[in-house]
Amino acid sequence: MGKSAIVIGAGIVGLATARALGARGYQVTVIERSSKAVGASIRNFGMVWPIGQPEGKMYERALKAKSIWKEVLTGGKLWFHEGGSLHMAYHQDELNVVKEIVEVSDKRPVRVLSAQETLNMSPAVNANGLLGSLFCEDEMIVDPRQAIAGIPAYLTEKYGVDFIWDTAISEVDHPTVRSGAKQWAADEIFVCSGADFETLYPELFSSSPLTKCKLQMLRLEAQPDNWKIGPSLCGGLSLIHYDGFKAAPSLEILKARYKEEYAEYLKWGIHVMASQNGLGEITVGDSHEYALTFDPFDREFINTMILDYLATFAQFKSPKVFETWHGIYPKMTNGNTEIVLKPEGGVTIINGLGGAGMTLSFGLCDQVIGGTYQ
């Protein structure tokens, strides 16, 4: 009989861990405190975003994750779109960074587009003052609400994964996990939820280099006449947000201008992107506030700032906002991209992927379970 494993949490990290275990012959049980995943895993763009990762280990992990995403989504008959990404440039310093990224990229499928080529790529791009753009073929969009809800059925069918819902684990004492009077046992236990890490190992959580990030997002209604924006769209502020762009020699020059012209945006960690799901709806965001505890109320002025900046590089057939929300995810404070801990024999904690959970989880968890993580 093969080994058994319990995974605590049915968000993207938990699902990725369950898939990696199931693919290696484990008998897997996933235990989730809610009736369905309702945390950060469904409160995002649905962007699988290799362009945001620096070349080398992290970029390769993102590509591995994307390949697993495609396997899982295809097997589960779930929607995805490989449309790539466009980063628009309206100032020379932005265009300089775009050109430098292409020059220093070794393996990425990136190229500089002229203004007209950019407009040909997407009807949603604002033509006013456009100098050109960076186009990358790597990026893929999933619908996080649909995907995170649909993957459990695929994992059950494909690998026999058992899901237990509405059950909050209150104690881990390997090989046993407990929820009140109920208990389960397995050879290996994986804690794959930010909230559960904090609850089950409070001292370890408080001593780890972790904080939390609150982000605000919006969704525009399904566009009329099946109108499509093509690639995911980004403004210049995204160029200074992602580590994947740090290789551009003139990035600091761009940052210096933004610090003067967009000081309020940087204060609230705002950079603006737009992606379109299979229903034709457009997800827009976001902001970044860091703390351990947040005001539960969203700030309307942040949403207004996001929409104002969005208008500088994109325009849609229907700009009507019909949903707003915020998400909270764990974030490393020491510059690392994740934290993998073994608090006791047979127990592994996987946490701290920050805003790259959708991009990296499938790759990271496959490496952790496969023994190639470093």
Protein backbone atom coordinates (compact mmCIF):
# COMPACT_ATOMS: atom_id res chain seq x y z
CA MET A 1 0.00 0.00 0.00
CA GLY A 2 1.31 3.45 -0.93
CA LYS A 3 2.02 6.30 1.43
CA SER A 4 -0.75 8.56 2.74
CA ALA A 5 -0.78 12.33 3.09
CA ILE A 6 -3.04 14.96 4.60
CA VAL A 7 -3.09 18.44 3.07
CA ILE A 8 -4.56 21.24 5.16
CA GLY A 9 -6.08 23.93 2.94
CA ALA A 10 -7.79 23.76 -0.46
CA GLY A 11 -6.49 27.00 -1.91
CA ILE A 12 -4.00 27.00 -4.78
CA VAL A 13 -1.05 25.85 -2.62
CA GLY A 14 -3.09 23.01 -1.13
CA LEU A 15 -4.40 21.93 -4.53
CA ALA A 16 -0.91 22.07 -6.04
CA THR A 17 0.44 19.97 -3.17
CA ALA A 18 -2.40 17.46 -3.52
CA ARG A 19 -1.74 17.12 -7.25
CA ALA A 20 1.99 16.60 -6.73
CA LEU A 21 1.32 13.94 -4.10
CA GLY A 22 -1.39 12.22 -6.12
CA ALA A 23 0.82 12.10 -9.19
CA ARG A 24 3.41 10.23 -7.10
CA GLY A 25 0.99 7.60 -5.86
CA TYR A 26 0.08 8.99 -2.46
CA GLN A 27 -3.38 8.47 -1.01
CA VAL A 28 -4.27 12.12 -0.37
CA THR A 29 -6.87 13.71 1.91
CA VAL A 30 -7.39 17.48 1.70
CA ILE A 31 -9.08 19.12 4.69
CA GLU A 32 -10.50 22.63 4.24
CA ARG A 33 -12.05 24.82 6.95
CA SER A 34 -14.68 26.34 4.58
CA SER A 35 -17.32 24.87 2.26
CA LYS A 36 -15.08 25.96 -0.63
CA ALA A 37 -11.92 28.00 -1.10
CA VAL A 38 -12.81 31.66 -0.47
CA GLY A 39 -9.42 33.24 0.28
CA ALA A 40 -6.69 34.85 -1.79
CA SER A 41 -6.74 31.99 -4.31
CA ILE A 42 -10.02 33.22 -5.80
CA ARG A 43 -9.48 36.95 -5.19
CA ASN A 44 -6.92 37.63 -7.89
CA PHE A 45 -6.51 38.26 -11.61
CA GLY A 46 -6.07 34.61 -12.49
CA MET A 47 -2.77 35.55 -14.10
CA VAL A 48 -0.11 32.90 -14.58
CA TRP A 49 2.66 35.44 -14.94
CA PRO A 50 6.19 34.23 -15.83
CA ILE A 51 7.17 37.73 -17.04
CA GLY A 52 7.13 38.84 -13.39
CA GLN A 53 9.82 36.34 -12.38
CA PRO A 54 13.56 36.88 -12.85
CA GLU A 55 15.32 34.58 -15.30
CA GLY A 56 16.82 31.43 -13.88
CA LYS A 57 15.28 29.32 -11.13
CA MET A 58 12.13 31.38 -10.63
CA TYR A 59 11.33 31.76 -14.32
CA GLU A 60 11.80 28.03 -14.84
CA ARG A 61 9.54 27.33 -11.86
CA ALA A 62 6.87 29.57 -13.39
CA LEU A 63 7.08 27.74 -16.72
CA LYS A 64 6.81 24.39 -14.91
CA ALA A 65 3.77 25.67 -13.08
CA LYS A 66 2.19 26.82 -16.32
CA SER A 67 2.66 23.39 -17.89
CA ILE A 68 0.97 21.75 -14.89
CA TRP A 69 -1.83 24.33 -14.99
CA LYS A 70 -2.52 23.38 -18.61
CA GLU A 71 -2.52 19.68 -17.77
CA VAL A 72 -4.94 20.17 -14.88
CA LEU A 73 -7.25 22.64 -16.63
CA THR A 74 -7.43 20.55 -19.79
CA GLY A 75 -8.11 17.42 -17.76
CA GLY A 76 -10.76 19.20 -15.72
CA LYS A 77 -12.33 20.83 -18.80
CA LEU A 78 -11.76 24.27 -17.26
CA TRP A 79 -11.26 27.51 -19.20
CA PHE A 80 -7.88 29.16 -19.79
CA HIS A 81 -6.45 31.57 -22.34
CA GLU A 82 -2.82 31.85 -23.47
CA GLY A 83 -2.95 35.44 -24.67
CA GLY A 84 0.40 36.73 -23.45
CA SER A 85 0.87 40.19 -21.95
CA LEU A 86 1.32 43.76 -23.14
CA HIS A 87 3.17 46.41 -21.13
CA MET A 88 2.50 49.79 -22.73
CA ALA A 89 5.05 52.60 -22.92
CA TYR A 90 3.95 56.25 -23.21
CA HIS A 91 7.24 57.88 -22.17
CA GLN A 92 10.76 57.36 -23.44
CA ASP A 93 12.04 56.08 -20.10
CA GLU A 94 9.34 53.40 -20.14
CA LEU A 95 10.23 52.45 -23.69
CA ASN A 96 13.90 52.29 -22.71
CA VAL A 97 13.10 49.73 -20.00
CA VAL A 98 10.97 47.75 -22.43
CA LYS A 99 13.79 47.60 -24.98
CA GLU A 100 16.35 46.66 -22.33
CA ILE A 101 14.20 43.77 -21.09
CA VAL A 102 14.17 42.33 -24.59
CA GLU A 103 17.93 42.85 -24.96
CA VAL A 104 18.81 41.08 -21.70
CA SER A 105 16.24 38.29 -21.99
CA ASP A 106 17.86 34.99 -22.83
CA LYS A 107 15.00 32.50 -23.00
CA ARG A 108 11.84 34.60 -22.81
CA PRO A 109 9.57 34.93 -25.88
CA VAL A 110 9.54 38.74 -25.72
CA ARG A 111 9.68 41.46 -28.32
CA VAL A 112 9.21 45.21 -28.65
CA LEU A 113 6.13 46.27 -30.58
CA SER A 114 5.65 49.60 -32.30
CA ALA A 115 2.63 51.72 -31.44
CA GLN A 116 0.71 50.40 -34.44
CA GLU A 117 1.69 46.79 -33.76
CA THR A 118 0.46 47.24 -30.20
CA LEU A 119 -2.89 48.59 -31.37
CA ASN A 120 -3.18 45.68 -33.79
CA MET A 121 -2.63 43.29 -30.86
CA SER A 122 -5.43 44.73 -28.70
CA PRO A 123 -8.40 47.00 -29.46
CA ALA A 124 -8.43 48.07 -25.81
CA VAL A 125 -5.09 49.92 -25.83
CA ASN A 126 -5.23 53.71 -25.50
CA ALA A 127 -3.54 55.09 -28.63
CA ASN A 128 -3.03 58.60 -27.25
CA GLY A 129 0.72 59.16 -26.83
CA LEU A 130 1.56 55.48 -27.25
CA LEU A 131 5.22 54.86 -28.15
CA GLY A 132 5.22 51.06 -28.17
CA SER A 133 5.00 48.08 -25.84
CA LEU A 134 6.61 44.93 -24.52
CA PHE A 135 4.82 41.79 -25.68
CA CYS A 136 5.50 38.45 -24.01
CA GLU A 137 3.94 35.18 -25.15
CA ASP A 138 4.30 33.35 -21.82
CA GLU A 139 1.38 34.69 -19.82
CA MET A 140 -1.85 32.77 -19.37
CA ILE A 141 -5.18 33.62 -17.76
CA VAL A 142 -7.42 31.30 -15.77
CA ASP A 143 -10.67 32.18 -14.01
CA PRO A 144 -9.62 31.73 -10.37
CA ARG A 145 -13.18 31.29 -9.08
CA GLN A 146 -13.95 28.62 -11.66
CA ALA A 147 -10.53 26.93 -11.56
CA ILE A 148 -10.15 26.69 -7.78
CA ALA A 149 -13.73 25.40 -7.51
CA GLY A 150 -13.29 22.90 -10.35
CA ILE A 151 -9.85 21.41 -9.66
CA PRO A 152 -10.94 19.31 -6.64
CA ALA A 153 -13.29 17.24 -8.83
CA TYR A 154 -10.45 16.67 -11.31
CA LEU A 155 -8.04 15.60 -8.56
CA THR A 156 -10.62 13.22 -7.14
CA GLU A 157 -11.26 11.66 -10.53
CA LYS A 158 -7.61 11.55 -11.63
CA TYR A 159 -5.82 10.63 -8.41
CA GLY A 160 -8.55 9.59 -5.96
CA VAL A 161 -7.94 12.63 -3.75
CA ASP A 162 -10.49 12.83 -0.92
CA PHE A 163 -11.75 16.29 0.08
CA ILE A 164 -13.21 17.03 3.52
CA TRP A 165 -14.92 20.45 3.69
CA ASP A 166 -16.17 22.65 6.54
CA THR A 167 -13.54 21.20 8.87
CA ALA A 168 -11.03 23.41 10.67
CA ILE A 169 -7.97 21.55 11.91
CA SER A 170 -7.21 22.65 15.46
CA GLU A 171 -4.15 20.53 16.22
CA VAL A 172 -1.33 18.76 14.42
CA ASP A 173 0.58 16.04 16.27
CA HIS A 174 2.16 13.83 13.63
CA PRO A 175 0.90 11.44 12.39
CA THR A 176 -2.47 12.81 13.58
CA VAL A 177 -4.48 15.94 12.83
CA ARG A 178 -7.53 16.85 14.89
CA SER A 179 -10.67 18.90 14.47
CA GLY A 180 -12.32 18.89 17.87
CA ALA A 181 -13.12 15.26 18.67
CA LYS A 182 -12.49 14.10 15.10
CA GLN A 183 -9.05 12.98 13.98
CA TRP A 184 -7.24 11.66 10.93
CA ALA A 185 -3.76 10.17 10.49
CA ALA A 186 -1.30 10.01 7.60
CA ASP A 187 2.36 9.35 6.89
CA GLU A 188 2.94 12.98 5.90
CA ILE A 189 1.09 16.20 6.72
CA PHE A 190 1.25 19.43 4.70
CA VAL A 191 0.02 22.77 6.07
CA CYS A 192 -0.88 24.81 3.00
CA SER A 193 -3.01 27.69 4.25
CA GLY A 194 -1.78 30.99 5.64
CA ALA A 195 -4.48 31.12 8.29
CA ASP A 196 -3.89 27.55 9.41
CA PHE A 197 -0.13 28.10 9.71
CA GLU A 198 -0.80 31.04 12.01
CA THR A 199 -3.30 29.03 14.08
CA LEU A 200 -1.48 25.68 14.29
CA TYR A 201 2.07 26.96 14.82
CA PRO A 202 1.66 30.47 16.29
CA GLU A 203 5.18 30.78 17.69
CA LEU A 204 6.74 29.62 14.45
CA PHE A 205 4.51 31.96 12.45
CA SER A 206 5.35 34.98 14.61
CA SER A 207 9.08 34.25 14.38
CA SER A 208 9.04 33.80 10.59
CA PRO A 209 9.79 36.68 8.20
CA LEU A 210 6.13 37.00 7.20
CA THR A 211 3.66 39.85 7.01
CA LYS A 212 0.34 40.13 5.19
CA CYS A 213 -0.70 42.10 2.15
CA LYS A 214 -4.16 43.52 1.49
CA LEU A 215 -5.03 44.28 -2.12
CA GLN A 216 -8.09 45.97 -3.61
CA MET A 217 -9.52 44.87 -6.94
CA LEU A 218 -12.47 45.53 -9.24
CA ARG A 219 -14.29 43.69 -12.00
CA LEU A 220 -15.91 45.26 -15.07
CA GLU A 221 -19.01 43.64 -16.53
CA ALA A 222 -18.87 41.22 -19.46
CA GLN A 223 -18.04 43.25 -22.55
CA PRO A 224 -20.82 43.61 -25.14
CA ASP A 225 -20.79 41.76 -28.48
CA ASN A 226 -18.20 39.24 -27.21
CA TRP A 227 -15.55 41.97 -27.43
CA LYS A 228 -12.06 40.73 -26.47
CA ILE A 229 -9.05 42.65 -25.21
CA GLY A 230 -6.55 40.00 -26.34
CA PRO A 231 -3.46 39.91 -24.10
CA SER A 232 -3.52 41.02 -20.48
CA LEU A 233 -2.76 44.74 -20.30
CA CYS A 234 -0.34 46.60 -18.02
CA GLY A 235 0.74 50.19 -17.52
CA GLY A 236 4.22 51.46 -16.78
CA LEU A 237 3.83 51.15 -13.01
CA SER A 238 3.97 47.37 -13.42
CA LEU A 239 7.50 47.70 -14.77
CA ILE A 240 8.75 48.71 -11.32
CA HIS A 241 6.61 46.20 -9.42
CA TYR A 242 7.94 42.85 -10.63
CA ASP A 243 11.38 41.36 -10.05
CA GLY A 244 11.39 40.16 -13.66
CA PHE A 245 12.08 43.73 -14.80
CA LYS A 246 14.98 44.45 -12.41
CA ALA A 247 17.45 43.33 -15.09
CA ALA A 248 16.77 46.54 -17.06
CA PRO A 249 19.74 48.90 -16.48
CA SER A 250 17.65 52.09 -16.65
CA LEU A 251 14.87 50.91 -14.32
CA GLU A 252 16.13 53.16 -11.51
CA ILE A 253 15.71 56.20 -13.75
CA LEU A 254 12.10 55.23 -14.33
CA LYS A 255 11.56 54.66 -10.61
CA ALA A 256 12.92 58.12 -9.83
CA ARG A 257 10.35 59.77 -12.12
CA TYR A 258 7.51 57.71 -10.72
CA LYS A 259 8.49 58.65 -7.16
CA GLU A 260 7.89 62.27 -8.11
CA GLU A 261 4.85 61.90 -10.39
CA TYR A 262 3.10 58.95 -8.75
CA ALA A 263 4.04 59.32 -5.09
CA GLU A 264 0.50 58.65 -3.89
CA TYR A 265 0.25 55.55 -6.08
CA LEU A 266 3.49 54.18 -4.69
CA LYS A 267 2.36 54.95 -1.13
CA TRP A 268 -0.55 52.55 -1.58
CA GLY A 269 1.41 50.07 -3.68
CA ILE A 270 -0.75 50.64 -6.73
CA HIS A 271 0.17 49.28 -10.14
CA VAL A 272 -2.54 48.61 -12.65
CA MET A 273 -3.28 45.57 -14.83
CA ALA A 274 -6.33 44.21 -16.62
CA SER A 275 -7.19 40.64 -17.60
CA GLN A 276 -10.30 39.20 -19.23
CA ASN A 277 -11.93 35.93 -18.20
CA GLY A 278 -13.92 33.45 -20.24
CA LEU A 279 -17.18 35.26 -19.46
CA GLY A 280 -15.82 38.45 -21.03
CA GLU A 281 -15.51 40.21 -17.66
CA ILE A 282 -12.40 42.31 -17.05
CA THR A 283 -10.56 42.09 -13.73
CA VAL A 284 -8.66 45.23 -12.74
CA GLY A 285 -6.28 46.03 -9.89
CA ASP A 286 -4.52 46.39 -7.64
CA SER A 287 -3.09 47.98 -4.48
CA HIS A 288 -0.76 46.65 -1.79
CA GLU A 289 -0.99 47.48 1.93
CA TYR A 290 1.25 45.61 4.39
CA ALA A 291 0.40 44.78 8.03
CA LEU A 292 -0.61 41.85 10.23
CA THR A 293 -4.12 43.23 10.80
CA PHE A 294 -6.11 45.39 8.37
CA ASP A 295 -9.04 47.74 8.41
CA PRO A 296 -11.84 45.51 7.03
CA PHE A 297 -13.26 48.32 4.91
CA ASP A 298 -12.11 49.06 1.38
CA ARG A 299 -10.93 52.54 0.45
CA GLU A 300 -12.97 54.04 -2.37
CA PHE A 301 -10.21 56.50 -3.30
CA ILE A 302 -7.87 53.56 -4.02
CA ASN A 303 -10.39 52.09 -6.47
CA THR A 304 -10.72 55.52 -8.09
CA MET A 305 -6.94 55.84 -8.43
CA ILE A 306 -6.77 52.39 -10.03
CA LEU A 307 -9.46 53.27 -12.58
CA ASP A 308 -7.88 56.68 -13.31
CA TYR A 309 -4.52 55.08 -14.09
CA LEU A 310 -6.19 52.31 -16.07
CA ALA A 311 -7.66 54.96 -18.39
CA THR A 312 -4.17 56.14 -19.30
CA PHE A 313 -3.41 52.90 -21.14
CA ALA A 314 -6.70 51.07 -21.74
CA GLN A 315 -10.29 51.75 -22.70
CA PHE A 316 -13.13 49.25 -22.89
CA LYS A 317 -16.48 49.00 -24.63
CA SER A 318 -18.16 48.93 -21.24
CA PRO A 319 -16.34 50.45 -18.23
CA LYS A 320 -19.12 49.52 -15.78
CA VAL A 321 -17.80 48.15 -12.48
CA PHE A 322 -20.05 45.46 -11.01
CA GLU A 323 -17.83 43.87 -8.34
CA THR A 324 -15.23 45.17 -5.90
CA TRP A 325 -13.40 43.26 -3.19
CA HIS A 326 -10.15 42.86 -1.31
CA GLY A 327 -7.88 39.90 -0.74
CA ILE A 328 -5.25 39.20 1.91
CA TYR A 329 -2.24 36.95 1.42
CA PRO A 330 0.98 36.18 3.33
CA LYS A 331 4.12 37.90 2.08
CA MET A 332 7.77 37.33 2.89
CA THR A 333 9.61 40.31 4.40
CA ASN A 334 13.15 39.09 3.66
CA GLY A 335 12.95 39.08 -0.13
CA ASN A 336 12.39 35.33 -0.43
CA THR A 337 9.66 34.00 -2.68
CA GLU A 338 8.23 31.39 -0.27
CA ILE A 339 8.81 29.67 3.05
CA VAL A 340 9.02 25.89 3.39
CA LEU A 341 9.38 24.68 6.97
CA LYS A 342 9.43 21.32 8.76
CA PRO A 343 8.27 22.08 12.32
CA GLU A 344 8.27 18.39 13.28
CA GLY A 345 8.97 15.07 11.64
CA GLY A 346 6.49 14.28 8.89
CA VAL A 347 5.05 17.83 8.78
CA THR A 348 5.78 20.41 6.08
CA ILE A 349 4.52 24.01 5.93
CA ILE A 350 4.37 25.72 2.53
CA ASN A 351 3.53 29.41 2.74
CA GLY A 352 4.44 32.98 1.85
CA LEU A 353 4.13 32.99 -1.95
CA GLY A 354 2.71 36.48 -1.82
CA GLY A 355 1.13 37.68 -5.04
CA ALA A 356 2.75 34.92 -7.10
CA GLY A 357 0.68 32.01 -5.80
CA MET A 358 -1.13 31.43 -9.08
CA THR A 359 2.13 31.74 -11.04
CA LEU A 360 4.39 29.55 -8.88
CA SER A 361 2.40 27.14 -6.68
CA PHE A 362 2.14 24.21 -9.07
CA GLY A 363 5.86 24.42 -9.84
CA LEU A 364 6.97 24.98 -6.25
CA CYS A 365 4.86 22.20 -4.77
CA ASP A 366 5.94 19.77 -7.47
CA GLN A 367 9.55 20.51 -6.53
CA VAL A 368 8.89 20.19 -2.78
CA ILE A 369 7.10 16.84 -3.14
CA GLY A 370 9.53 15.63 -5.81
CA GLY A 371 12.57 16.39 -3.66
CA THR A 372 14.10 18.91 -6.07
CA TYR A 373 13.21 22.08 -4.14
CA GLN A 374 16.14 24.28 -3.25
